């Protein structure tokens, strides 16, 4: 199984988890970061770059979207 498929499966699992945990709004932004990491994997970049994109994407999406969700 290729890396982008694994990222896609993780993104779907996180999105489903977000749907079934009302009021939490934590898994959705992480799912967005998994989609970004999957796009990087699809572009052929290495595992280290994918992990960096996932971590930075998680922090950025939580920093931007979490305050909006609380408003």
PDB file of N, CA and C in Angstrom:
ATOM      1  N   UNK A   1       0.853  -1.173   0.000  1.00  0.00           N
ATOM      2  CA  UNK A   1       0.000   0.000   0.000  1.00  0.00           C
ATOM      3  C   UNK A   1       0.901   1.238   0.000  1.00  0.00           C
ATOM      4  N   UNK A   2       0.588   2.173  -0.852  1.00  0.00           N
ATOM      5  CA  UNK A   2       1.422   3.367  -0.952  1.00  0.00           C
ATOM      6  C   UNK A   2       1.120   4.340   0.182  1.00  0.00           C
ATOM      7  N   UNK A   3       2.038   5.272   0.384  1.00  0.00           N
ATOM      8  CA  UNK A   3       1.922   6.201   1.506  1.00  0.00           C
ATOM      9  C   UNK A   3       0.690   7.090   1.389  1.00  0.00           C
ATOM     10  N   UNK A   4       0.367   7.531   0.175  1.00  0.00           N
ATOM     11  CA  UNK A   4      -0.778   8.442   0.055  1.00  0.00           C
ATOM     12  C   UNK A   4      -2.078   7.732   0.401  1.00  0.00           C
ATOM     13  N   UNK A   5      -2.152   6.436   0.134  1.00  0.00           N
ATOM     14  CA  UNK A   5      -3.353   5.677   0.502  1.00  0.00           C
ATOM     15  C   UNK A   5      -3.465   5.586   2.021  1.00  0.00           C
ATOM     16  N   UNK A   6      -2.345   5.370   2.688  1.00  0.00           N
ATOM     17  CA  UNK A   6      -2.363   5.320   4.155  1.00  0.00           C
ATOM     18  C   UNK A   6      -2.801   6.658   4.748  1.00  0.00           C
ATOM     19  N   UNK A   7      -2.309   7.752   4.186  1.00  0.00           N
ATOM     20  CA  UNK A   7      -2.734   9.068   4.655  1.00  0.00           C
ATOM     21  C   UNK A   7      -4.224   9.289   4.400  1.00  0.00           C
ATOM     22  N   UNK A   8      -4.712   8.815   3.253  1.00  0.00           N
ATOM     23  CA  UNK A   8      -6.137   8.959   2.937  1.00  0.00           C
ATOM     24  C   UNK A   8      -6.995   8.155   3.906  1.00  0.00           C
ATOM     25  N   UNK A   9      -6.568   6.940   4.218  1.00  0.00           N
ATOM     26  CA  UNK A   9      -7.306   6.112   5.180  1.00  0.00           C
ATOM     27  C   UNK A   9      -7.307   6.783   6.551  1.00  0.00           C
ATOM     28  N   UNK A  10      -6.164   7.319   6.962  1.00  0.00           N
ATOM     29  CA  UNK A  10      -6.088   8.023   8.242  1.00  0.00           C
ATOM     30  C   UNK A  10      -7.001   9.245   8.246  1.00  0.00           C
ATOM     31  N   UNK A  11      -7.013  10.001   7.155  1.00  0.00           N
ATOM     32  CA  UNK A  11      -7.865  11.190   7.071  1.00  0.00           C
ATOM     33  C   UNK A  11      -9.339  10.823   7.179  1.00  0.00           C
ATOM     34  N   UNK A  12      -9.747   9.768   6.506  1.00  0.00           N
ATOM     35  CA  UNK A  12     -11.146   9.334   6.575  1.00  0.00           C
ATOM     36  C   UNK A  12     -11.487   8.865   7.987  1.00  0.00           C
ATOM     37  N   UNK A  13     -10.597   8.100   8.604  1.00  0.00           N
ATOM     38  CA  UNK A  13     -10.845   7.620   9.965  1.00  0.00           C
ATOM     39  C   UNK A  13     -10.964   8.786  10.943  1.00  0.00           C
ATOM     40  N   UNK A  14     -10.110   9.776  10.803  1.00  0.00           N
ATOM     41  CA  UNK A  14     -10.182  10.945  11.675  1.00  0.00           C
ATOM     42  C   UNK A  14     -11.453  11.749  11.426  1.00  0.00           C
ATOM     43  N   UNK A  15     -11.853  11.880  10.173  1.00  0.00           N
ATOM     44  CA  UNK A  15     -13.084  12.612   9.855  1.00  0.00           C
ATOM     45  C   UNK A  15     -14.303  11.899  10.428  1.00  0.00           C
ATOM     46  N   UNK A  16     -14.327  10.582  10.325  1.00  0.00           N
ATOM     47  CA  UNK A  16     -15.438   9.817  10.904  1.00  0.00           C
ATOM     48  C   UNK A  16     -15.427   9.963  12.419  1.00  0.00           C
ATOM     49  N   UNK A  17     -14.246   9.923  13.008  1.00  0.00           N
ATOM     50  CA  UNK A  17     -14.141  10.133  14.451  1.00  0.00           C
ATOM     51  C   UNK A  17     -14.636  11.503  14.863  1.00  0.00           C
ATOM     52  N   UNK A  18     -14.361  12.500  14.049  1.00  0.00           N
ATOM     53  CA  UNK A  18     -14.846  13.857  14.331  1.00  0.00           C
ATOM     54  C   UNK A  18     -16.371  13.910  14.302  1.00  0.00           C
ATOM     55  N   UNK A  19     -16.961  13.202  13.373  1.00  0.00           N
ATOM     56  CA  UNK A  19     -18.418  13.189  13.260  1.00  0.00           C
ATOM     57  C   UNK A  19     -19.055  12.579  14.507  1.00  0.00           C
ATOM     58  N   UNK A  20     -18.428  11.544  15.053  1.00  0.00           N
ATOM     59  CA  UNK A  20     -19.016  10.826  16.182  1.00  0.00           C
ATOM     60  C   UNK A  20     -18.580  11.353  17.544  1.00  0.00           C
ATOM     61  N   UNK A  21     -17.823  12.448  17.598  1.00  0.00           N
ATOM     62  CA  UNK A  21     -17.469  13.073  18.873  1.00  0.00           C
ATOM     63  C   UNK A  21     -17.972  14.512  18.867  1.00  0.00           C
ATOM     64  N   UNK A  22     -19.240  14.711  19.169  1.00  0.00           N
ATOM     65  CA  UNK A  22     -19.813  16.056  19.110  1.00  0.00           C
ATOM     66  C   UNK A  22     -19.190  16.985  20.154  1.00  0.00           C
ATOM     67  N   UNK A  23     -18.954  18.206  19.742  1.00  0.00           N
ATOM     68  CA  UNK A  23     -18.457  19.224  20.650  1.00  0.00           C
ATOM     69  C   UNK A  23     -16.957  19.221  20.864  1.00  0.00           C
ATOM     70  N   UNK A  24     -16.244  18.257  20.321  1.00  0.00           N
ATOM     71  CA  UNK A  24     -14.807  18.179  20.571  1.00  0.00           C
ATOM     72  C   UNK A  24     -14.023  19.038  19.583  1.00  0.00           C
ATOM     73  N   UNK A  25     -14.276  18.891  18.300  1.00  0.00           N
ATOM     74  CA  UNK A  25     -13.595  19.594  17.207  1.00  0.00           C
ATOM     75  C   UNK A  25     -12.079  19.550  17.364  1.00  0.00           C
ATOM     76  N   UNK A  26     -11.554  18.345  17.412  1.00  0.00           N
ATOM     77  CA  UNK A  26     -10.110  18.153  17.450  1.00  0.00           C
ATOM     78  C   UNK A  26      -9.640  17.293  16.288  1.00  0.00           C
ATOM     79  N   UNK A  27     -10.414  16.296  15.933  1.00  0.00           N
ATOM     80  CA  UNK A  27      -9.993  15.350  14.909  1.00  0.00           C
ATOM     81  C   UNK A  27     -10.126  15.909  13.494  1.00  0.00           C
ATOM     82  N   UNK A  28     -11.052  16.826  13.282  1.00  0.00           N
ATOM     83  CA  UNK A  28     -11.246  17.413  11.955  1.00  0.00           C
ATOM     84  C   UNK A  28     -10.018  18.142  11.435  1.00  0.00           C
ATOM     85  N   UNK A  29      -9.452  19.054  12.223  1.00  0.00           N
ATOM     86  CA  UNK A  29      -8.232  19.720  11.762  1.00  0.00           C
ATOM     87  C   UNK A  29      -7.062  18.761  11.547  1.00  0.00           C
ATOM     88  N   UNK A  30      -6.986  17.713  12.350  1.00  0.00           N
ATOM     89  CA  UNK A  30      -5.926  16.722  12.160  1.00  0.00           C
ATOM     90  C   UNK A  30      -6.169  15.955  10.859  1.00  0.00           C
ATOM     91  N   UNK A  31      -7.434  15.710  10.529  1.00  0.00           N
ATOM     92  CA  UNK A  31      -7.761  15.056   9.259  1.00  0.00           C
ATOM     93  C   UNK A  31      -7.332  15.926   8.077  1.00  0.00           C
ATOM     94  N   UNK A  32      -7.501  17.236   8.201  1.00  0.00           N
ATOM     95  CA  UNK A  32      -7.042  18.138   7.134  1.00  0.00           C
ATOM     96  C   UNK A  32      -5.527  18.053   6.954  1.00  0.00           C
ATOM     97  N   UNK A  33      -4.812  17.939   8.061  1.00  0.00           N
ATOM     98  CA  UNK A  33      -3.357  17.801   7.976  1.00  0.00           C
ATOM     99  C   UNK A  33      -2.970  16.474   7.327  1.00  0.00           C
ATOM    100  N   UNK A  34      -3.742  15.429   7.588  1.00  0.00           N
ATOM    101  CA  UNK A  34      -3.473  14.135   6.954  1.00  0.00           C
ATOM    102  C   UNK A  34      -3.704  14.214   5.446  1.00  0.00           C
ATOM    103  N   UNK A  35      -4.701  14.984   5.034  1.00  0.00           N
ATOM    104  CA  UNK A  35      -4.935  15.183   3.599  1.00  0.00           C
ATOM    105  C   UNK A  35      -3.744  15.912   2.972  1.00  0.00           C
ATOM    106  N   UNK A  36      -3.227  16.924   3.666  1.00  0.00           N
ATOM    107  CA  UNK A  36      -2.060  17.648   3.153  1.00  0.00           C
ATOM    108  C   UNK A  36      -0.844  16.728   3.054  1.00  0.00           C
ATOM    109  N   UNK A  37      -0.640  15.898   4.058  1.00  0.00           N
ATOM    110  CA  UNK A  37       0.485  14.958   4.024  1.00  0.00           C
ATOM    111  C   UNK A  37       0.300  13.940   2.903  1.00  0.00           C
ATOM    112  N   UNK A  38      -0.932  13.535   2.657  1.00  0.00           N
ATOM    113  CA  UNK A  38      -1.207  12.625   1.551  1.00  0.00           C
ATOM    114  C   UNK A  38      -0.909  13.255   0.205  1.00  0.00           C
ATOM    115  N   UNK A  39      -1.207  14.542   0.082  1.00  0.00           N
ATOM    116  CA  UNK A  39      -0.896  15.247  -1.162  1.00  0.00           C
ATOM    117  C   UNK A  39       0.611  15.318  -1.378  1.00  0.00           C
ATOM    118  N   UNK A  40       1.348  15.517  -0.292  1.00  0.00           N
ATOM    119  CA  UNK A  40       2.810  15.536  -0.383  1.00  0.00           C
ATOM    120  C   UNK A  40       3.324  14.156  -0.779  1.00  0.00           C
ATOM    121  N   UNK A  41       2.730  13.110  -0.204  1.00  0.00           N
ATOM    122  CA  UNK A  41       3.126  11.741  -0.551  1.00  0.00           C
ATOM    123  C   UNK A  41       2.820  11.447  -2.014  1.00  0.00           C
ATOM    124  N   UNK A  42       1.691  11.930  -2.481  1.00  0.00           N
ATOM    125  CA  UNK A  42       1.315  11.736  -3.880  1.00  0.00           C
ATOM    126  C   UNK A  42       2.298  12.448  -4.814  1.00  0.00           C
ATOM    127  N   UNK A  43       2.865  13.537  -4.322  1.00  0.00           N
ATOM    128  CA  UNK A  43       3.872  14.254  -5.093  1.00  0.00           C
ATOM    129  C   UNK A  43       5.223  13.566  -5.121  1.00  0.00           C
ATOM    130  N   UNK A  44       5.367  12.500  -4.346  1.00  0.00           N
ATOM    131  CA  UNK A  44       6.594  11.720  -4.384  1.00  0.00           C
ATOM    132  C   UNK A  44       7.658  12.125  -3.387  1.00  0.00           C
ATOM    133  N   UNK A  45       7.317  12.996  -2.450  1.00  0.00           N
ATOM    134  CA  UNK A  45       8.309  13.403  -1.457  1.00  0.00           C
ATOM    135  C   UNK A  45       8.433  12.339  -0.372  1.00  0.00           C
ATOM    136  N   UNK A  46       9.509  12.384   0.377  1.00  0.00           N
ATOM    137  CA  UNK A  46       9.835  11.338   1.332  1.00  0.00           C
ATOM    138  C   UNK A  46       9.000  11.359   2.601  1.00  0.00           C
ATOM    139  N   UNK A  47       9.215  10.340   3.411  1.00  0.00           N
ATOM    140  CA  UNK A  47       8.458  10.169   4.648  1.00  0.00           C
ATOM    141  C   UNK A  47       8.733  11.291   5.642  1.00  0.00           C
ATOM    142  N   UNK A  48       9.964  11.777   5.695  1.00  0.00           N
ATOM    143  CA  UNK A  48      10.292  12.858   6.624  1.00  0.00           C
ATOM    144  C   UNK A  48       9.523  14.128   6.265  1.00  0.00           C
ATOM    145  N   UNK A  49       9.448  14.438   4.994  1.00  0.00           N
ATOM    146  CA  UNK A  49       8.705  15.626   4.550  1.00  0.00           C
ATOM    147  C   UNK A  49       7.221  15.447   4.840  1.00  0.00           C
ATOM    148  N   UNK A  50       6.705  14.257   4.616  1.00  0.00           N
ATOM    149  CA  UNK A  50       5.299  13.979   4.904  1.00  0.00           C
ATOM    150  C   UNK A  50       4.997  14.197   6.380  1.00  0.00           C
ATOM    151  N   UNK A  51       5.875  13.706   7.242  1.00  0.00           N
ATOM    152  CA  UNK A  51       5.669  13.855   8.681  1.00  0.00           C
ATOM    153  C   UNK A  51       5.740  15.319   9.096  1.00  0.00           C
ATOM    154  N   UNK A  52       6.674  16.062   8.527  1.00  0.00           N
ATOM    155  CA  UNK A  52       6.782  17.490   8.837  1.00  0.00           C
ATOM    156  C   UNK A  52       5.528  18.227   8.391  1.00  0.00           C
ATOM    157  N   UNK A  53       5.042  17.929   7.197  1.00  0.00           N
ATOM    158  CA  UNK A  53       3.813  18.568   6.703  1.00  0.00           C
ATOM    159  C   UNK A  53       2.637  18.212   7.601  1.00  0.00           C
ATOM    160  N   UNK A  54       2.573  16.965   8.044  1.00  0.00           N
ATOM    161  CA  UNK A  54       1.484  16.544   8.922  1.00  0.00           C
ATOM    162  C   UNK A  54       1.534  17.295  10.258  1.00  0.00           C
ATOM    163  N   UNK A  55       2.707  17.404  10.851  1.00  0.00           N
ATOM    164  CA  UNK A  55       2.833  18.077  12.148  1.00  0.00           C
ATOM    165  C   UNK A  55       2.547  19.568  12.021  1.00  0.00           C
ATOM    166  N   UNK A  56       3.153  20.208  11.041  1.00  0.00           N
ATOM    167  CA  UNK A  56       2.931  21.644  10.843  1.00  0.00           C
ATOM    168  C   UNK A  56       1.476  21.910  10.462  1.00  0.00           C
ATOM    169  N   UNK A  57       0.915  21.060   9.618  1.00  0.00           N
ATOM    170  CA  UNK A  57      -0.487  21.207   9.233  1.00  0.00           C
ATOM    171  C   UNK A  57      -1.435  21.031  10.402  1.00  0.00           C
ATOM    172  N   UNK A  58      -1.124  20.100  11.285  1.00  0.00           N
ATOM    173  CA  UNK A  58      -1.955  19.895  12.470  1.00  0.00           C
ATOM    174  C   UNK A  58      -1.934  21.122  13.366  1.00  0.00           C
ATOM    175  N   UNK A  59      -0.745  21.616  13.658  1.00  0.00           N
ATOM    176  CA  UNK A  59      -0.622  22.789  14.528  1.00  0.00           C
ATOM    177  C   UNK A  59      -1.296  24.003  13.893  1.00  0.00           C
ATOM    178  N   UNK A  60      -1.062  24.216  12.613  1.00  0.00           N
ATOM    179  CA  UNK A  60      -1.637  25.380  11.934  1.00  0.00           C
ATOM    180  C   UNK A  60      -3.158  25.299  11.861  1.00  0.00           C
ATOM    181  N   UNK A  61      -3.681  24.133  11.496  1.00  0.00           N
ATOM    182  CA  UNK A  61      -5.136  24.022  11.374  1.00  0.00           C
ATOM    183  C   UNK A  61      -5.817  24.121  12.733  1.00  0.00           C
ATOM    184  N   UNK A  62      -5.203  23.578  13.766  1.00  0.00           N
ATOM    185  CA  UNK A  62      -5.778  23.731  15.105  1.00  0.00           C
ATOM    186  C   UNK A  62      -5.719  25.186  15.564  1.00  0.00           C
ATOM    187  N   UNK A  63      -4.612  25.863  15.276  1.00  0.00           N
ATOM    188  CA  UNK A  63      -4.468  27.261  15.687  1.00  0.00           C
ATOM    189  C   UNK A  63      -5.473  28.165  14.987  1.00  0.00           C
ATOM    190  N   UNK A  64      -5.791  27.855  13.741  1.00  0.00           N
ATOM    191  CA  UNK A  64      -6.710  28.708  12.981  1.00  0.00           C
ATOM    192  C   UNK A  64      -8.164  28.314  13.216  1.00  0.00           C
ATOM    193  N   UNK A  65      -8.467  27.027  13.154  1.00  0.00           N
ATOM    194  CA  UNK A  65      -9.864  26.594  13.171  1.00  0.00           C
ATOM    195  C   UNK A  65     -10.464  26.446  14.566  1.00  0.00           C
ATOM    196  N   UNK A  66      -9.665  26.104  15.542  1.00  0.00           N
ATOM    197  CA  UNK A  66     -10.210  25.894  16.894  1.00  0.00           C
ATOM    198  C   UNK A  66     -10.836  27.172  17.466  1.00  0.00           C
ATOM    199  N   UNK A  67     -10.177  28.336  17.367  1.00  0.00           N
ATOM    200  CA  UNK A  67     -10.828  29.555  17.871  1.00  0.00           C
ATOM    201  C   UNK A  67     -12.117  29.896  17.124  1.00  0.00           C
ATOM    202  N   UNK A  68     -12.160  29.602  15.841  1.00  0.00           N
ATOM    203  CA  UNK A  68     -13.376  29.859  15.070  1.00  0.00           C
ATOM    204  C   UNK A  68     -14.499  28.957  15.556  1.00  0.00           C
ATOM    205  N   UNK A  69     -14.184  27.716  15.872  1.00  0.00           N
ATOM    206  CA  UNK A  69     -15.200  26.769  16.335  1.00  0.00           C
ATOM    207  C   UNK A  69     -15.730  27.145  17.710  1.00  0.00           C
ATOM    208  N   UNK A  70     -14.900  27.746  18.530  1.00  0.00           N
ATOM    209  CA  UNK A  70     -15.337  28.132  19.879  1.00  0.00           C
ATOM    210  C   UNK A  70     -16.194  29.388  19.871  1.00  0.00           C
ATOM    211  N   UNK A  71     -16.120  30.170  18.815  1.00  0.00           N
ATOM    212  CA  UNK A  71     -16.865  31.433  18.756  1.00  0.00           C
ATOM    213  C   UNK A  71     -18.344  31.203  18.564  1.00  0.00           C
TER     214      UNK A  71
END
